[in-house]
């Protein structure tokens, strides 16, 4: 019985994805057709179509899985310990110092190789 419901939900999912694609196409074509209208009205129309397409997409199996993943990602972001201002400044200064040292080393190596090639050629 579950195989029948899986097949049925997959066919409904396909129909829902076709509706989502059709809504997106309507938005693209409508934006071109109504290009003489105010930008505000076109943007509001596109936002409304995007919301409807998002709601329809969220009703599919993949849409529900995406929403679950999004909620889990938000929970993980809340667990992150962000650095304070002092730690950020120290890390930034270390990165700048390393970049400057590497730039000087590469400049020196380039100058040395350039001098060596110049002496060999000329």
PDB file of N, CA and C in Angstrom:
ATOM      1  N   UNK A   1       0.819  -1.183   0.000  1.00  0.00           N
ATOM      2  CA  UNK A   1       0.000   0.000   0.000  1.00  0.00           C
ATOM      3  C   UNK A   1       0.866   1.251   0.000  1.00  0.00           C
ATOM      4  N   UNK A   2       2.024   1.204   0.666  1.00  0.00           N
ATOM      5  CA  UNK A   2       2.884   2.382   0.701  1.00  0.00           C
ATOM      6  C   UNK A   2       3.512   2.627  -0.668  1.00  0.00           C
ATOM      7  N   UNK A   3       3.759   1.561  -1.437  1.00  0.00           N
ATOM      8  CA  UNK A   3       4.319   1.733  -2.776  1.00  0.00           C
ATOM      9  C   UNK A   3       3.351   2.500  -3.656  1.00  0.00           C
ATOM     10  N   UNK A   4       2.059   2.225  -3.478  1.00  0.00           N
ATOM     11  CA  UNK A   4       1.041   2.935  -4.260  1.00  0.00           C
ATOM     12  C   UNK A   4       1.001   4.413  -3.866  1.00  0.00           C
ATOM     13  N   UNK A   5       1.109   4.698  -2.571  1.00  0.00           N
ATOM     14  CA  UNK A   5       1.086   6.096  -2.136  1.00  0.00           C
ATOM     15  C   UNK A   5       2.355   6.825  -2.557  1.00  0.00           C
ATOM     16  N   UNK A   6       3.523   6.121  -2.575  1.00  0.00           N
ATOM     17  CA  UNK A   6       4.757   6.740  -3.049  1.00  0.00           C
ATOM     18  C   UNK A   6       4.644   7.101  -4.517  1.00  0.00           C
ATOM     19  N   UNK A   7       4.103   6.197  -5.316  1.00  0.00           N
ATOM     20  CA  UNK A   7       3.926   6.468  -6.746  1.00  0.00           C
ATOM     21  C   UNK A   7       2.958   7.623  -6.952  1.00  0.00           C
ATOM     22  N   UNK A   8       1.901   7.635  -6.148  1.00  0.00           N
ATOM     23  CA  UNK A   8       0.911   8.697  -6.278  1.00  0.00           C
ATOM     24  C   UNK A   8       1.524  10.050  -5.881  1.00  0.00           C
ATOM     25  N   UNK A   9       2.304  10.062  -4.795  1.00  0.00           N
ATOM     26  CA  UNK A   9       2.918  11.327  -4.381  1.00  0.00           C
ATOM     27  C   UNK A   9       3.963  11.785  -5.394  1.00  0.00           C
ATOM     28  N   UNK A  10       4.689  10.823  -6.019  1.00  0.00           N
ATOM     29  CA  UNK A  10       5.668  11.192  -7.041  1.00  0.00           C
ATOM     30  C   UNK A  10       4.986  11.808  -8.253  1.00  0.00           C
ATOM     31  N   UNK A  11       3.827  11.275  -8.654  1.00  0.00           N
ATOM     32  CA  UNK A  11       3.134  11.857  -9.802  1.00  0.00           C
ATOM     33  C   UNK A  11       2.593  13.235  -9.449  1.00  0.00           C
ATOM     34  N   UNK A  12       2.101  13.399  -8.204  1.00  0.00           N
ATOM     35  CA  UNK A  12       1.643  14.723  -7.790  1.00  0.00           C
ATOM     36  C   UNK A  12       2.816  15.695  -7.677  1.00  0.00           C
ATOM     37  N   UNK A  13       3.971  15.192  -7.233  1.00  0.00           N
ATOM     38  CA  UNK A  13       5.159  16.038  -7.169  1.00  0.00           C
ATOM     39  C   UNK A  13       5.550  16.538  -8.552  1.00  0.00           C
ATOM     40  N   UNK A  14       5.479  15.673  -9.543  1.00  0.00           N
ATOM     41  CA  UNK A  14       5.804  16.084 -10.909  1.00  0.00           C
ATOM     42  C   UNK A  14       4.860  17.184 -11.373  1.00  0.00           C
ATOM     43  N   UNK A  15       3.586  17.029 -11.050  1.00  0.00           N
ATOM     44  CA  UNK A  15       2.611  18.059 -11.427  1.00  0.00           C
ATOM     45  C   UNK A  15       2.921  19.369 -10.702  1.00  0.00           C
ATOM     46  N   UNK A  16       3.279  19.273  -9.435  1.00  0.00           N
ATOM     47  CA  UNK A  16       3.605  20.487  -8.666  1.00  0.00           C
ATOM     48  C   UNK A  16       4.834  21.181  -9.235  1.00  0.00           C
ATOM     49  N   UNK A  17       5.851  20.399  -9.643  1.00  0.00           N
ATOM     50  CA  UNK A  17       7.044  21.019 -10.226  1.00  0.00           C
ATOM     51  C   UNK A  17       6.721  21.668 -11.566  1.00  0.00           C
ATOM     52  N   UNK A  18       5.827  21.069 -12.332  1.00  0.00           N
ATOM     53  CA  UNK A  18       5.400  21.691 -13.598  1.00  0.00           C
ATOM     54  C   UNK A  18       4.714  23.015 -13.304  1.00  0.00           C
ATOM     55  N   UNK A  19       3.884  23.052 -12.249  1.00  0.00           N
ATOM     56  CA  UNK A  19       3.215  24.302 -11.864  1.00  0.00           C
ATOM     57  C   UNK A  19       4.245  25.349 -11.449  1.00  0.00           C
ATOM     58  N   UNK A  20       5.259  24.939 -10.696  1.00  0.00           N
ATOM     59  CA  UNK A  20       6.315  25.877 -10.268  1.00  0.00           C
ATOM     60  C   UNK A  20       7.031  26.447 -11.488  1.00  0.00           C
ATOM     61  N   UNK A  21       7.401  25.580 -12.423  1.00  0.00           N
ATOM     62  CA  UNK A  21       8.093  26.043 -13.635  1.00  0.00           C
ATOM     63  C   UNK A  21       7.188  26.960 -14.446  1.00  0.00           C
ATOM     64  N   UNK A  22       5.893  26.625 -14.523  1.00  0.00           N
ATOM     65  CA  UNK A  22       4.947  27.477 -15.252  1.00  0.00           C
ATOM     66  C   UNK A  22       4.831  28.848 -14.585  1.00  0.00           C
ATOM     67  N   UNK A  23       4.810  28.892 -13.259  1.00  0.00           N
ATOM     68  CA  UNK A  23       4.737  30.177 -12.560  1.00  0.00           C
ATOM     69  C   UNK A  23       5.984  31.023 -12.826  1.00  0.00           C
ATOM     70  N   UNK A  24       7.126  30.382 -12.835  1.00  0.00           N
ATOM     71  CA  UNK A  24       8.363  31.108 -13.138  1.00  0.00           C
ATOM     72  C   UNK A  24       8.341  31.633 -14.566  1.00  0.00           C
ATOM     73  N   UNK A  25       7.871  30.802 -15.492  1.00  0.00           N
ATOM     74  CA  UNK A  25       7.781  31.230 -16.894  1.00  0.00           C
ATOM     75  C   UNK A  25       6.805  32.394 -17.043  1.00  0.00           C
ATOM     76  N   UNK A  26       5.687  32.329 -16.337  1.00  0.00           N
ATOM     77  CA  UNK A  26       4.716  33.436 -16.380  1.00  0.00           C
ATOM     78  C   UNK A  26       5.362  34.714 -15.865  1.00  0.00           C
ATOM     79  N   UNK A  27       6.166  34.611 -14.824  1.00  0.00           N
ATOM     80  CA  UNK A  27       6.851  35.787 -14.293  1.00  0.00           C
ATOM     81  C   UNK A  27       7.829  36.381 -15.281  1.00  0.00           C
ATOM     82  N   UNK A  28       8.610  35.519 -15.949  1.00  0.00           N
ATOM     83  CA  UNK A  28       9.603  36.010 -16.916  1.00  0.00           C
ATOM     84  C   UNK A  28       8.908  36.650 -18.118  1.00  0.00           C
ATOM     85  N   UNK A  29       7.934  35.955 -18.659  1.00  0.00           N
ATOM     86  CA  UNK A  29       7.231  36.479 -19.839  1.00  0.00           C
ATOM     87  C   UNK A  29       6.432  37.719 -19.465  1.00  0.00           C
ATOM     88  N   UNK A  30       5.763  37.673 -18.311  1.00  0.00           N
ATOM     89  CA  UNK A  30       4.981  38.831 -17.877  1.00  0.00           C
ATOM     90  C   UNK A  30       5.844  40.057 -17.650  1.00  0.00           C
ATOM     91  N   UNK A  31       7.036  39.872 -17.137  1.00  0.00           N
ATOM     92  CA  UNK A  31       7.939  40.999 -16.936  1.00  0.00           C
ATOM     93  C   UNK A  31       8.333  41.621 -18.270  1.00  0.00           C
ATOM     94  N   UNK A  32       8.509  40.788 -19.288  1.00  0.00           N
ATOM     95  CA  UNK A  32       8.852  41.314 -20.608  1.00  0.00           C
ATOM     96  C   UNK A  32       7.658  41.983 -21.271  1.00  0.00           C
ATOM     97  N   UNK A  33       6.482  41.358 -21.166  1.00  0.00           N
ATOM     98  CA  UNK A  33       5.286  41.895 -21.819  1.00  0.00           C
ATOM     99  C   UNK A  33       4.885  43.227 -21.196  1.00  0.00           C
ATOM    100  N   UNK A  34       4.960  43.307 -19.887  1.00  0.00           N
ATOM    101  CA  UNK A  34       4.547  44.521 -19.197  1.00  0.00           C
ATOM    102  C   UNK A  34       5.726  45.429 -18.871  1.00  0.00           C
ATOM    103  N   UNK A  35       6.725  45.472 -19.731  1.00  0.00           N
ATOM    104  CA  UNK A  35       7.899  46.301 -19.483  1.00  0.00           C
ATOM    105  C   UNK A  35       7.573  47.793 -19.478  1.00  0.00           C
ATOM    106  N   UNK A  36       6.428  48.169 -20.069  1.00  0.00           N
ATOM    107  CA  UNK A  36       6.043  49.582 -20.076  1.00  0.00           C
ATOM    108  C   UNK A  36       5.381  50.000 -18.760  1.00  0.00           C
ATOM    109  N   UNK A  37       5.031  49.042 -17.905  1.00  0.00           N
ATOM    110  CA  UNK A  37       4.412  49.346 -16.621  1.00  0.00           C
ATOM    111  C   UNK A  37       5.482  49.766 -15.603  1.00  0.00           C
ATOM    112  N   UNK A  38       5.020  50.296 -14.499  1.00  0.00           N
ATOM    113  CA  UNK A  38       5.928  50.745 -13.441  1.00  0.00           C
ATOM    114  C   UNK A  38       6.753  49.571 -12.896  1.00  0.00           C
ATOM    115  N   UNK A  39       7.994  49.859 -12.585  1.00  0.00           N
ATOM    116  CA  UNK A  39       8.880  48.835 -12.042  1.00  0.00           C
ATOM    117  C   UNK A  39       8.343  48.286 -10.722  1.00  0.00           C
ATOM    118  N   UNK A  40       7.729  49.138  -9.917  1.00  0.00           N
ATOM    119  CA  UNK A  40       7.173  48.704  -8.635  1.00  0.00           C
ATOM    120  C   UNK A  40       6.125  47.619  -8.828  1.00  0.00           C
ATOM    121  N   UNK A  41       5.212  47.818  -9.782  1.00  0.00           N
ATOM    122  CA  UNK A  41       4.159  46.831 -10.024  1.00  0.00           C
ATOM    123  C   UNK A  41       4.733  45.516 -10.546  1.00  0.00           C
ATOM    124  N   UNK A  42       5.729  45.623 -11.411  1.00  0.00           N
ATOM    125  CA  UNK A  42       6.341  44.399 -11.942  1.00  0.00           C
ATOM    126  C   UNK A  42       7.065  43.629 -10.845  1.00  0.00           C
ATOM    127  N   UNK A  43       7.776  44.346  -9.979  1.00  0.00           N
ATOM    128  CA  UNK A  43       8.489  43.680  -8.880  1.00  0.00           C
ATOM    129  C   UNK A  43       7.501  43.045  -7.912  1.00  0.00           C
ATOM    130  N   UNK A  44       6.427  43.751  -7.584  1.00  0.00           N
ATOM    131  CA  UNK A  44       5.415  43.180  -6.695  1.00  0.00           C
ATOM    132  C   UNK A  44       4.794  41.928  -7.304  1.00  0.00           C
ATOM    133  N   UNK A  45       4.540  41.968  -8.605  1.00  0.00           N
ATOM    134  CA  UNK A  45       3.999  40.788  -9.286  1.00  0.00           C
ATOM    135  C   UNK A  45       4.971  39.625  -9.254  1.00  0.00           C
ATOM    136  N   UNK A  46       6.258  39.916  -9.497  1.00  0.00           N
ATOM    137  CA  UNK A  46       7.266  38.855  -9.460  1.00  0.00           C
ATOM    138  C   UNK A  46       7.428  38.277  -8.057  1.00  0.00           C
ATOM    139  N   UNK A  47       7.366  39.136  -7.048  1.00  0.00           N
ATOM    140  CA  UNK A  47       7.472  38.651  -5.672  1.00  0.00           C
ATOM    141  C   UNK A  47       6.277  37.772  -5.330  1.00  0.00           C
ATOM    142  N   UNK A  48       5.081  38.186  -5.749  1.00  0.00           N
ATOM    143  CA  UNK A  48       3.887  37.381  -5.485  1.00  0.00           C
ATOM    144  C   UNK A  48       3.985  36.026  -6.177  1.00  0.00           C
ATOM    145  N   UNK A  49       4.431  36.013  -7.433  1.00  0.00           N
ATOM    146  CA  UNK A  49       4.593  34.747  -8.150  1.00  0.00           C
ATOM    147  C   UNK A  49       5.670  33.878  -7.491  1.00  0.00           C
ATOM    148  N   UNK A  50       6.731  34.489  -7.020  1.00  0.00           N
ATOM    149  CA  UNK A  50       7.798  33.734  -6.363  1.00  0.00           C
ATOM    150  C   UNK A  50       7.295  33.118  -5.062  1.00  0.00           C
ATOM    151  N   UNK A  51       6.487  33.850  -4.316  1.00  0.00           N
ATOM    152  CA  UNK A  51       5.940  33.311  -3.064  1.00  0.00           C
ATOM    153  C   UNK A  51       5.022  32.124  -3.358  1.00  0.00           C
ATOM    154  N   UNK A  52       4.153  32.277  -4.357  1.00  0.00           N
ATOM    155  CA  UNK A  52       3.249  31.182  -4.711  1.00  0.00           C
ATOM    156  C   UNK A  52       4.050  29.978  -5.198  1.00  0.00           C
ATOM    157  N   UNK A  53       5.063  30.211  -6.046  1.00  0.00           N
ATOM    158  CA  UNK A  53       5.896  29.110  -6.535  1.00  0.00           C
ATOM    159  C   UNK A  53       6.641  28.450  -5.376  1.00  0.00           C
ATOM    160  N   UNK A  54       7.115  29.230  -4.419  1.00  0.00           N
ATOM    161  CA  UNK A  54       7.800  28.671  -3.258  1.00  0.00           C
ATOM    162  C   UNK A  54       6.880  27.834  -2.393  1.00  0.00           C
ATOM    163  N   UNK A  55       5.647  28.284  -2.215  1.00  0.00           N
ATOM    164  CA  UNK A  55       4.682  27.521  -1.424  1.00  0.00           C
ATOM    165  C   UNK A  55       4.354  26.203  -2.117  1.00  0.00           C
ATOM    166  N   UNK A  56       4.171  26.247  -3.437  1.00  0.00           N
ATOM    167  CA  UNK A  56       3.877  25.017  -4.177  1.00  0.00           C
ATOM    168  C   UNK A  56       5.082  24.082  -4.123  1.00  0.00           C
ATOM    169  N   UNK A  57       6.292  24.611  -4.291  1.00  0.00           N
ATOM    170  CA  UNK A  57       7.497  23.776  -4.252  1.00  0.00           C
ATOM    171  C   UNK A  57       7.697  23.182  -2.859  1.00  0.00           C
ATOM    172  N   UNK A  58       7.311  23.907  -1.813  1.00  0.00           N
ATOM    173  CA  UNK A  58       7.483  23.405  -0.449  1.00  0.00           C
ATOM    174  C   UNK A  58       6.549  22.244  -0.145  1.00  0.00           C
ATOM    175  N   UNK A  59       5.535  22.037  -0.965  1.00  0.00           N
ATOM    176  CA  UNK A  59       4.599  20.939  -0.752  1.00  0.00           C
ATOM    177  C   UNK A  59       5.085  19.629  -1.352  1.00  0.00           C
ATOM    178  N   UNK A  60       6.207  19.670  -2.079  1.00  0.00           N
ATOM    179  CA  UNK A  60       6.745  18.449  -2.673  1.00  0.00           C
ATOM    180  C   UNK A  60       7.660  17.748  -1.678  1.00  0.00           C
ATOM    181  N   UNK A  61       8.058  16.532  -2.003  1.00  0.00           N
ATOM    182  CA  UNK A  61       8.941  15.768  -1.124  1.00  0.00           C
ATOM    183  C   UNK A  61      10.299  16.466  -1.009  1.00  0.00           C
ATOM    184  N   UNK A  62      10.848  16.894  -2.153  1.00  0.00           N
ATOM    185  CA  UNK A  62      12.145  17.582  -2.119  1.00  0.00           C
ATOM    186  C   UNK A  62      12.031  18.936  -1.431  1.00  0.00           C
ATOM    187  N   UNK A  63      10.913  19.602  -1.593  1.00  0.00           N
ATOM    188  CA  UNK A  63      10.701  20.882  -0.930  1.00  0.00           C
ATOM    189  C   UNK A  63      10.647  20.739   0.574  1.00  0.00           C
ATOM    190  N   UNK A  64       9.961  19.687   1.040  1.00  0.00           N
ATOM    191  CA  UNK A  64       9.903  19.442   2.480  1.00  0.00           C
ATOM    192  C   UNK A  64      11.286  19.083   3.022  1.00  0.00           C
ATOM    193  N   UNK A  65      12.033  18.302   2.258  1.00  0.00           N
ATOM    194  CA  UNK A  65      13.393  17.948   2.685  1.00  0.00           C
ATOM    195  C   UNK A  65      14.271  19.197   2.750  1.00  0.00           C
ATOM    196  N   UNK A  66      14.099  20.116   1.799  1.00  0.00           N
ATOM    197  CA  UNK A  66      14.859  21.361   1.817  1.00  0.00           C
ATOM    198  C   UNK A  66      14.514  22.186   3.056  1.00  0.00           C
ATOM    199  N   UNK A  67      13.238  22.260   3.395  1.00  0.00           N
ATOM    200  CA  UNK A  67      12.833  23.033   4.570  1.00  0.00           C
ATOM    201  C   UNK A  67      13.407  22.425   5.855  1.00  0.00           C
ATOM    202  N   UNK A  68      13.433  21.100   5.937  1.00  0.00           N
ATOM    203  CA  UNK A  68      14.020  20.445   7.103  1.00  0.00           C
ATOM    204  C   UNK A  68      15.511  20.765   7.183  1.00  0.00           C
ATOM    205  N   UNK A  69      16.203  20.682   6.034  1.00  0.00           N
ATOM    206  CA  UNK A  69      17.626  20.990   6.017  1.00  0.00           C
ATOM    207  C   UNK A  69      17.873  22.452   6.405  1.00  0.00           C
ATOM    208  N   UNK A  70      17.016  23.357   5.921  1.00  0.00           N
ATOM    209  CA  UNK A  70      17.149  24.777   6.243  1.00  0.00           C
ATOM    210  C   UNK A  70      16.981  25.013   7.740  1.00  0.00           C
ATOM    211  N   UNK A  71      16.006  24.358   8.365  1.00  0.00           N
ATOM    212  CA  UNK A  71      15.798  24.503   9.808  1.00  0.00           C
ATOM    213  C   UNK A  71      16.991  23.950  10.590  1.00  0.00           C
ATOM    214  N   UNK A  72      17.531  22.818  10.144  1.00  0.00           N
ATOM    215  CA  UNK A  72      18.692  22.247  10.817  1.00  0.00           C
ATOM    216  C   UNK A  72      19.918  23.154  10.658  1.00  0.00           C
ATOM    217  N   UNK A  73      20.061  23.766   9.496  1.00  0.00           N
ATOM    218  CA  UNK A  73      21.184  24.678   9.281  1.00  0.00           C
ATOM    219  C   UNK A  73      21.067  25.896  10.194  1.00  0.00           C
ATOM    220  N   UNK A  74      19.854  26.416  10.356  1.00  0.00           N
ATOM    221  CA  UNK A  74      19.660  27.543  11.268  1.00  0.00           C
ATOM    222  C   UNK A  74      20.022  27.164  12.695  1.00  0.00           C
ATOM    223  N   UNK A  75      19.645  25.949  13.101  1.00  0.00           N
ATOM    224  CA  UNK A  75      20.002  25.490  14.450  1.00  0.00           C
ATOM    225  C   UNK A  75      21.509  25.381  14.608  1.00  0.00           C
ATOM    226  N   UNK A  76      22.208  24.918  13.582  1.00  0.00           N
ATOM    227  CA  UNK A  76      23.665  24.802  13.652  1.00  0.00           C
ATOM    228  C   UNK A  76      24.324  26.176  13.700  1.00  0.00           C
ATOM    229  N   UNK A  77      23.782  27.131  12.962  1.00  0.00           N
ATOM    230  CA  UNK A  77      24.348  28.489  12.975  1.00  0.00           C
ATOM    231  C   UNK A  77      24.213  29.103  14.367  1.00  0.00           C
ATOM    232  N   UNK A  78      23.125  28.790  15.043  1.00  0.00           N
ATOM    233  CA  UNK A  78      22.950  29.319  16.401  1.00  0.00           C
ATOM    234  C   UNK A  78      23.992  28.757  17.372  1.00  0.00           C
ATOM    235  N   UNK A  79      24.541  27.592  17.063  1.00  0.00           N
ATOM    236  CA  UNK A  79      25.534  26.969  17.941  1.00  0.00           C
ATOM    237  C   UNK A  79      26.941  27.529  17.729  1.00  0.00           C
ATOM    238  N   UNK A  80      27.148  28.265  16.658  1.00  0.00           N
ATOM    239  CA  UNK A  80      28.476  28.775  16.336  1.00  0.00           C
ATOM    240  C   UNK A  80      28.872  29.843  17.352  1.00  0.00           C
ATOM    241  N   UNK A  81      30.117  29.778  17.809  1.00  0.00           N
ATOM    242  CA  UNK A  81      30.653  30.797  18.707  1.00  0.00           C
ATOM    243  C   UNK A  81      31.405  31.802  17.840  1.00  0.00           C
ATOM    244  N   UNK A  82      30.845  32.983  17.710  1.00  0.00           N
ATOM    245  CA  UNK A  82      31.445  34.005  16.854  1.00  0.00           C
ATOM    246  C   UNK A  82      32.549  34.721  17.613  1.00  0.00           C
ATOM    247  N   UNK A  83      33.619  35.117  16.909  1.00  0.00           N
ATOM    248  CA  UNK A  83      34.721  35.820  17.593  1.00  0.00           C
ATOM    249  C   UNK A  83      34.304  37.234  17.997  1.00  0.00           C
ATOM    250  N   UNK A  84      34.923  37.706  19.060  1.00  0.00           N
ATOM    251  CA  UNK A  84      34.645  39.082  19.466  1.00  0.00           C
ATOM    252  C   UNK A  84      35.522  40.032  18.644  1.00  0.00           C
ATOM    253  N   UNK A  85      35.406  41.327  18.923  1.00  0.00           N
ATOM    254  CA  UNK A  85      36.128  42.326  18.136  1.00  0.00           C
ATOM    255  C   UNK A  85      37.646  42.167  18.249  1.00  0.00           C
ATOM    256  N   UNK A  86      38.143  41.891  19.442  1.00  0.00           N
ATOM    257  CA  UNK A  86      39.590  41.760  19.636  1.00  0.00           C
ATOM    258  C   UNK A  86      40.135  40.555  18.865  1.00  0.00           C
ATOM    259  N   UNK A  87      39.464  39.427  18.947  1.00  0.00           N
ATOM    260  CA  UNK A  87      39.913  38.236  18.212  1.00  0.00           C
ATOM    261  C   UNK A  87      39.877  38.469  16.704  1.00  0.00           C
ATOM    262  N   UNK A  88      38.853  39.169  16.244  1.00  0.00           N
ATOM    263  CA  UNK A  88      38.747  39.465  14.808  1.00  0.00           C
ATOM    264  C   UNK A  88      39.892  40.362  14.358  1.00  0.00           C
ATOM    265  N   UNK A  89      40.206  41.386  15.152  1.00  0.00           N
ATOM    266  CA  UNK A  89      41.299  42.296  14.798  1.00  0.00           C
ATOM    267  C   UNK A  89      42.643  41.569  14.792  1.00  0.00           C
ATOM    268  N   UNK A  90      42.891  40.725  15.788  1.00  0.00           N
ATOM    269  CA  UNK A  90      44.151  39.996  15.859  1.00  0.00           C
ATOM    270  C   UNK A  90      44.303  39.055  14.671  1.00  0.00           C
ATOM    271  N   UNK A  91      43.241  38.342  14.351  1.00  0.00           N
ATOM    272  CA  UNK A  91      43.300  37.416  13.217  1.00  0.00           C
ATOM    273  C   UNK A  91      43.511  38.172  11.913  1.00  0.00           C
ATOM    274  N   UNK A  92      42.842  39.305  11.766  1.00  0.00           N
ATOM    275  CA  UNK A  92      43.001  40.114  10.555  1.00  0.00           C
ATOM    276  C   UNK A  92      44.431  40.619  10.426  1.00  0.00           C
ATOM    277  N   UNK A  93      45.009  41.080  11.527  1.00  0.00           N
ATOM    278  CA  UNK A  93      46.384  41.577  11.479  1.00  0.00           C
ATOM    279  C   UNK A  93      47.376  40.461  11.161  1.00  0.00           C
ATOM    280  N   UNK A  94      47.138  39.273  11.671  1.00  0.00           N
ATOM    281  CA  UNK A  94      48.007  38.139  11.349  1.00  0.00           C
ATOM    282  C   UNK A  94      47.924  37.819   9.858  1.00  0.00           C
ATOM    283  N   UNK A  95      46.714  37.819   9.320  1.00  0.00           N
ATOM    284  CA  UNK A  95      46.542  37.529   7.894  1.00  0.00           C
ATOM    285  C   UNK A  95      47.234  38.591   7.047  1.00  0.00           C
ATOM    286  N   UNK A  96      47.077  39.863   7.401  1.00  0.00           N
ATOM    287  CA  UNK A  96      47.725  40.947   6.654  1.00  0.00           C
ATOM    288  C   UNK A  96      49.240  40.803   6.723  1.00  0.00           C
ATOM    289  N   UNK A  97      49.772  40.478   7.890  1.00  0.00           N
ATOM    290  CA  UNK A  97      51.223  40.313   8.037  1.00  0.00           C
ATOM    291  C   UNK A  97      51.731  39.156   7.186  1.00  0.00           C
ATOM    292  N   UNK A  98      51.049  38.039   7.206  1.00  0.00           N
ATOM    293  CA  UNK A  98      51.472  36.883   6.405  1.00  0.00           C
ATOM    294  C   UNK A  98      51.410  37.216   4.920  1.00  0.00           C
ATOM    295  N   UNK A  99      50.376  37.925   4.500  1.00  0.00           N
ATOM    296  CA  UNK A  99      50.267  38.306   3.089  1.00  0.00           C
ATOM    297  C   UNK A  99      51.419  39.228   2.700  1.00  0.00           C
ATOM    298  N   UNK A 100      51.759  40.186   3.552  1.00  0.00           N
ATOM    299  CA  UNK A 100      52.869  41.088   3.248  1.00  0.00           C
ATOM    300  C   UNK A 100      54.203  40.343   3.178  1.00  0.00           C
ATOM    301  N   UNK A 101      54.439  39.437   4.110  1.00  0.00           N
ATOM    302  CA  UNK A 101      55.686  38.662   4.094  1.00  0.00           C
ATOM    303  C   UNK A 101      55.763  37.819   2.830  1.00  0.00           C
ATOM    304  N   UNK A 102      54.672  37.160   2.489  1.00  0.00           N
ATOM    305  CA  UNK A 102      54.670  36.327   1.279  1.00  0.00           C
ATOM    306  C   UNK A 102      54.862  37.189   0.023  1.00  0.00           C
ATOM    307  N   UNK A 103      54.259  38.377   0.008  1.00  0.00           N
ATOM    308  CA  UNK A 103      54.426  39.268  -1.140  1.00  0.00           C
ATOM    309  C   UNK A 103      55.888  39.681  -1.281  1.00  0.00           C
ATOM    310  N   UNK A 104      56.544  40.014  -0.165  1.00  0.00           N
ATOM    311  CA  UNK A 104      57.956  40.380  -0.214  1.00  0.00           C
ATOM    312  C   UNK A 104      58.828  39.210  -0.662  1.00  0.00           C
ATOM    313  N   UNK A 105      58.535  38.016  -0.167  1.00  0.00           N
ATOM    314  CA  UNK A 105      59.300  36.836  -0.581  1.00  0.00           C
ATOM    315  C   UNK A 105      59.133  36.562  -2.075  1.00  0.00           C
ATOM    316  N   UNK A 106      57.909  36.642  -2.547  1.00  0.00           N
ATOM    317  CA  UNK A 106      57.681  36.403  -3.976  1.00  0.00           C
ATOM    318  C   UNK A 106      58.310  37.494  -4.830  1.00  0.00           C
ATOM    319  N   UNK A 107      58.266  38.758  -4.367  1.00  0.00           N
ATOM    320  CA  UNK A 107      58.910  39.842  -5.102  1.00  0.00           C
ATOM    321  C   UNK A 107      60.422  39.616  -5.165  1.00  0.00           C
ATOM    322  N   UNK A 108      60.996  39.220  -4.036  1.00  0.00           N
ATOM    323  CA  UNK A 108      62.435  38.945  -4.011  1.00  0.00           C
ATOM    324  C   UNK A 108      62.800  37.787  -4.920  1.00  0.00           C
ATOM    325  N   UNK A 109      62.046  36.713  -4.881  1.00  0.00           N
ATOM    326  CA  UNK A 109      62.304  35.566  -5.742  1.00  0.00           C
ATOM    327  C   UNK A 109      62.155  35.952  -7.211  1.00  0.00           C
ATOM    328  N   UNK A 110      61.138  36.738  -7.529  1.00  0.00           N
ATOM    329  CA  UNK A 110      60.937  37.187  -8.906  1.00  0.00           C
ATOM    330  C   UNK A 110      62.104  38.059  -9.355  1.00  0.00           C
ATOM    331  N   UNK A 111      62.558  38.972  -8.498  1.00  0.00           N
ATOM    332  CA  UNK A 111      63.691  39.838  -8.844  1.00  0.00           C
ATOM    333  C   UNK A 111      64.962  39.017  -9.054  1.00  0.00           C
ATOM    334  N   UNK A 112      65.193  38.040  -8.186  1.00  0.00           N
ATOM    335  CA  UNK A 112      66.370  37.189  -8.303  1.00  0.00           C
ATOM    336  C   UNK A 112      66.347  36.391  -9.608  1.00  0.00           C
ATOM    337  N   UNK A 113      65.209  35.777  -9.901  1.00  0.00           N
ATOM    338  CA  UNK A 113      65.097  34.997 -11.141  1.00  0.00           C
ATOM    339  C   UNK A 113      65.196  35.904 -12.371  1.00  0.00           C
ATOM    340  N   UNK A 114      64.608  37.081 -12.278  1.00  0.00           N
ATOM    341  CA  UNK A 114      64.697  38.028 -13.389  1.00  0.00           C
ATOM    342  C   UNK A 114      66.150  38.442 -13.624  1.00  0.00           C
ATOM    343  N   UNK A 115      66.893  38.729 -12.561  1.00  0.00           N
ATOM    344  CA  UNK A 115      68.303  39.092 -12.682  1.00  0.00           C
ATOM    345  C   UNK A 115      69.115  37.927 -13.258  1.00  0.00           C
ATOM    346  N   UNK A 116      68.806  36.687 -12.795  1.00  0.00           N
ATOM    347  CA  UNK A 116      69.552  35.521 -13.272  1.00  0.00           C
ATOM    348  C   UNK A 116      69.302  35.304 -14.764  1.00  0.00           C
ATOM    349  N   UNK A 117      68.065  35.428 -15.192  1.00  0.00           N
ATOM    350  CA  UNK A 117      67.750  35.242 -16.620  1.00  0.00           C
ATOM    351  C   UNK A 117      68.380  36.354 -17.442  1.00  0.00           C
ATOM    352  N   UNK A 118      68.351  37.593 -16.929  1.00  0.00           N
ATOM    353  CA  UNK A 118      68.955  38.721 -17.658  1.00  0.00           C
ATOM    354  C   UNK A 118      70.466  38.505 -17.824  1.00  0.00           C
ATOM    355  N   UNK A 119      71.122  38.007 -16.767  1.00  0.00           N
ATOM    356  CA  UNK A 119      72.566  37.784 -16.879  1.00  0.00           C
ATOM    357  C   UNK A 119      72.880  36.667 -17.863  1.00  0.00           C
ATOM    358  N   UNK A 120      72.064  35.654 -17.914  1.00  0.00           N
ATOM    359  CA  UNK A 120      72.299  34.534 -18.849  1.00  0.00           C
ATOM    360  C   UNK A 120      72.064  34.959 -20.306  1.00  0.00           C
ATOM    361  N   UNK A 121      71.026  35.740 -20.513  1.00  0.00           N
ATOM    362  CA  UNK A 121      70.682  36.130 -21.883  1.00  0.00           C
ATOM    363  C   UNK A 121      71.563  37.247 -22.381  1.00  0.00           C
ATOM    364  N   UNK A 122      71.738  38.271 -21.573  1.00  0.00           N
ATOM    365  CA  UNK A 122      72.417  39.448 -22.087  1.00  0.00           C
ATOM    366  C   UNK A 122      73.693  39.681 -21.422  1.00  0.00           C
TER     367      UNK A 122
END
